[in-house]
Amino acid sequence: MTTSEQMKSNCDTMITGIVAELHTAGAPIEMILDRILTFAAAQACTIDGSPKTAKNFRIIANKIEGGLFHKVTGEGQRH
């Protein structure tokens, strides 16, 4: 695993742990997601500007609608 892949894995592990702690402390998952997405959007705007950030969020939204997470959600599967 490259250093970049390891750092990404470390970030994922830490975020998962923090979300679990916040949820255990009583924060609803919906609120946690709202706060994480708001933080991410604000940070991206300060780095890339609002127009580029909005464009990137639209790209991500299109990927989600196209089935990016269907393996996780079970959507799009034939029964």
C-alpha atoms as a PDB file:
ATOM      1  CA  MET A   1       0.000   0.000   0.000  1.00  0.00           C
ATOM      2  CA  THR A   2       1.370   3.418  -0.940  1.00  0.00           C
ATOM      3  CA  THR A   3       1.733   6.213   1.571  1.00  0.00           C
ATOM      4  CA  SER A   4      -1.243   7.990  -0.020  1.00  0.00           C
ATOM      5  CA  GLU A   5      -3.404   4.855   0.166  1.00  0.00           C
ATOM      6  CA  GLN A   6      -2.394   4.328   3.794  1.00  0.00           C
ATOM      7  CA  MET A   7      -3.251   7.919   4.679  1.00  0.00           C
ATOM      8  CA  LYS A   8      -6.645   7.555   2.971  1.00  0.00           C
ATOM      9  CA  SER A   9      -7.247   4.347   4.923  1.00  0.00           C
ATOM     10  CA  ASN A  10      -6.218   6.076   8.166  1.00  0.00           C
ATOM     11  CA  CYS A  11      -8.617   8.956   7.446  1.00  0.00           C
ATOM     12  CA  ASP A  12     -11.454   6.508   6.750  1.00  0.00           C
ATOM     13  CA  THR A  13     -10.753   4.656   9.993  1.00  0.00           C
ATOM     14  CA  MET A  14     -10.648   7.858  12.039  1.00  0.00           C
ATOM     15  CA  ILE A  15     -13.819   9.290  10.478  1.00  0.00           C
ATOM     16  CA  THR A  16     -15.660   6.013  11.076  1.00  0.00           C
ATOM     17  CA  GLY A  17     -14.575   6.042  14.726  1.00  0.00           C
ATOM     18  CA  ILE A  18     -15.555   9.672  15.245  1.00  0.00           C
ATOM     19  CA  VAL A  19     -18.960   9.118  13.646  1.00  0.00           C
ATOM     20  CA  ALA A  20     -19.540   6.125  15.915  1.00  0.00           C
ATOM     21  CA  GLU A  21     -18.588   8.191  18.983  1.00  0.00           C
ATOM     22  CA  LEU A  22     -20.881  11.070  17.997  1.00  0.00           C
ATOM     23  CA  HIS A  23     -23.749   8.642  17.360  1.00  0.00           C
ATOM     24  CA  THR A  24     -23.144   6.933  20.708  1.00  0.00           C
ATOM     25  CA  ALA A  25     -23.238  10.376  22.335  1.00  0.00           C
ATOM     26  CA  GLY A  26     -26.727  10.866  20.890  1.00  0.00           C
ATOM     27  CA  ALA A  27     -26.197  12.678  17.604  1.00  0.00           C
ATOM     28  CA  PRO A  28     -28.465  11.308  14.871  1.00  0.00           C
ATOM     29  CA  ILE A  29     -26.616   9.981  11.821  1.00  0.00           C
ATOM     30  CA  GLU A  30     -28.478  12.505   9.647  1.00  0.00           C
ATOM     31  CA  MET A  31     -27.087  15.377  11.733  1.00  0.00           C
ATOM     32  CA  ILE A  32     -23.569  13.957  11.647  1.00  0.00           C
ATOM     33  CA  LEU A  33     -23.731  13.598   7.865  1.00  0.00           C
ATOM     34  CA  ASP A  34     -25.059  17.153   7.533  1.00  0.00           C
ATOM     35  CA  ARG A  35     -22.168  18.506   9.595  1.00  0.00           C
ATOM     36  CA  ILE A  36     -19.531  16.451   7.738  1.00  0.00           C
ATOM     37  CA  LEU A  37     -20.881  17.455   4.313  1.00  0.00           C
ATOM     38  CA  THR A  38     -21.185  21.112   5.343  1.00  0.00           C
ATOM     39  CA  PHE A  39     -17.609  21.100   6.660  1.00  0.00           C
ATOM     40  CA  ALA A  40     -16.333  19.389   3.507  1.00  0.00           C
ATOM     41  CA  ALA A  41     -18.169  21.818   1.220  1.00  0.00           C
ATOM     42  CA  ALA A  42     -16.901  24.868   3.096  1.00  0.00           C
ATOM     43  CA  GLN A  43     -13.326  23.591   3.055  1.00  0.00           C
ATOM     44  CA  ALA A  44     -13.525  22.763  -0.646  1.00  0.00           C
ATOM     45  CA  CYS A  45     -14.867  26.263  -1.379  1.00  0.00           C
ATOM     46  CA  THR A  46     -11.944  27.860   0.444  1.00  0.00           C
ATOM     47  CA  ILE A  47      -9.483  25.713  -1.521  1.00  0.00           C
ATOM     48  CA  ASP A  48     -11.063  25.575  -4.995  1.00  0.00           C
ATOM     49  CA  GLY A  49     -13.721  28.306  -4.954  1.00  0.00           C
ATOM     50  CA  SER A  50     -17.479  27.952  -5.025  1.00  0.00           C
ATOM     51  CA  PRO A  51     -17.969  27.341  -8.779  1.00  0.00           C
ATOM     52  CA  LYS A  52     -15.460  24.467  -8.945  1.00  0.00           C
ATOM     53  CA  THR A  53     -16.773  22.983  -5.692  1.00  0.00           C
ATOM     54  CA  ALA A  54     -20.364  23.079  -6.979  1.00  0.00           C
ATOM     55  CA  LYS A  55     -19.251  21.451 -10.245  1.00  0.00           C
ATOM     56  CA  ASN A  56     -17.443  18.698  -8.316  1.00  0.00           C
ATOM     57  CA  PHE A  57     -20.480  18.089  -6.092  1.00  0.00           C
ATOM     58  CA  ARG A  58     -22.635  17.741  -9.238  1.00  0.00           C
ATOM     59  CA  ILE A  59     -20.150  15.202 -10.636  1.00  0.00           C
ATOM     60  CA  ILE A  60     -20.322  13.239  -7.389  1.00  0.00           C
ATOM     61  CA  ALA A  61     -24.143  13.451  -7.365  1.00  0.00           C
ATOM     62  CA  ASN A  62     -24.275  12.074 -10.913  1.00  0.00           C
ATOM     63  CA  LYS A  63     -22.031   9.166  -9.920  1.00  0.00           C
ATOM     64  CA  ILE A  64     -24.262   8.417  -6.937  1.00  0.00           C
ATOM     65  CA  GLU A  65     -27.379   8.500  -9.116  1.00  0.00           C
ATOM     66  CA  GLY A  66     -25.565   6.262 -11.588  1.00  0.00           C
ATOM     67  CA  GLY A  67     -25.143   3.535  -9.001  1.00  0.00           C
ATOM     68  CA  LEU A  68     -21.829   4.266  -7.292  1.00  0.00           C
ATOM     69  CA  PHE A  69     -23.100   2.852  -3.994  1.00  0.00           C
ATOM     70  CA  HIS A  70     -25.577   0.255  -5.234  1.00  0.00           C
ATOM     71  CA  LYS A  71     -23.353  -2.535  -3.898  1.00  0.00           C
ATOM     72  CA  VAL A  72     -23.768  -1.020  -0.426  1.00  0.00           C
ATOM     73  CA  THR A  73     -27.448  -0.021  -0.630  1.00  0.00           C
ATOM     74  CA  GLY A  74     -28.745  -2.958  -2.620  1.00  0.00           C
ATOM     75  CA  GLU A  75     -30.461  -0.595  -5.045  1.00  0.00           C
ATOM     76  CA  GLY A  76     -30.586  -1.520  -8.684  1.00  0.00           C
ATOM     77  CA  GLN A  77     -30.441  -5.253  -8.021  1.00  0.00           C
ATOM     78  CA  ARG A  78     -32.788  -7.581  -9.838  1.00  0.00           C
ATOM     79  CA  HIS A  79     -34.979  -9.786  -7.672  1.00  0.00           C
END
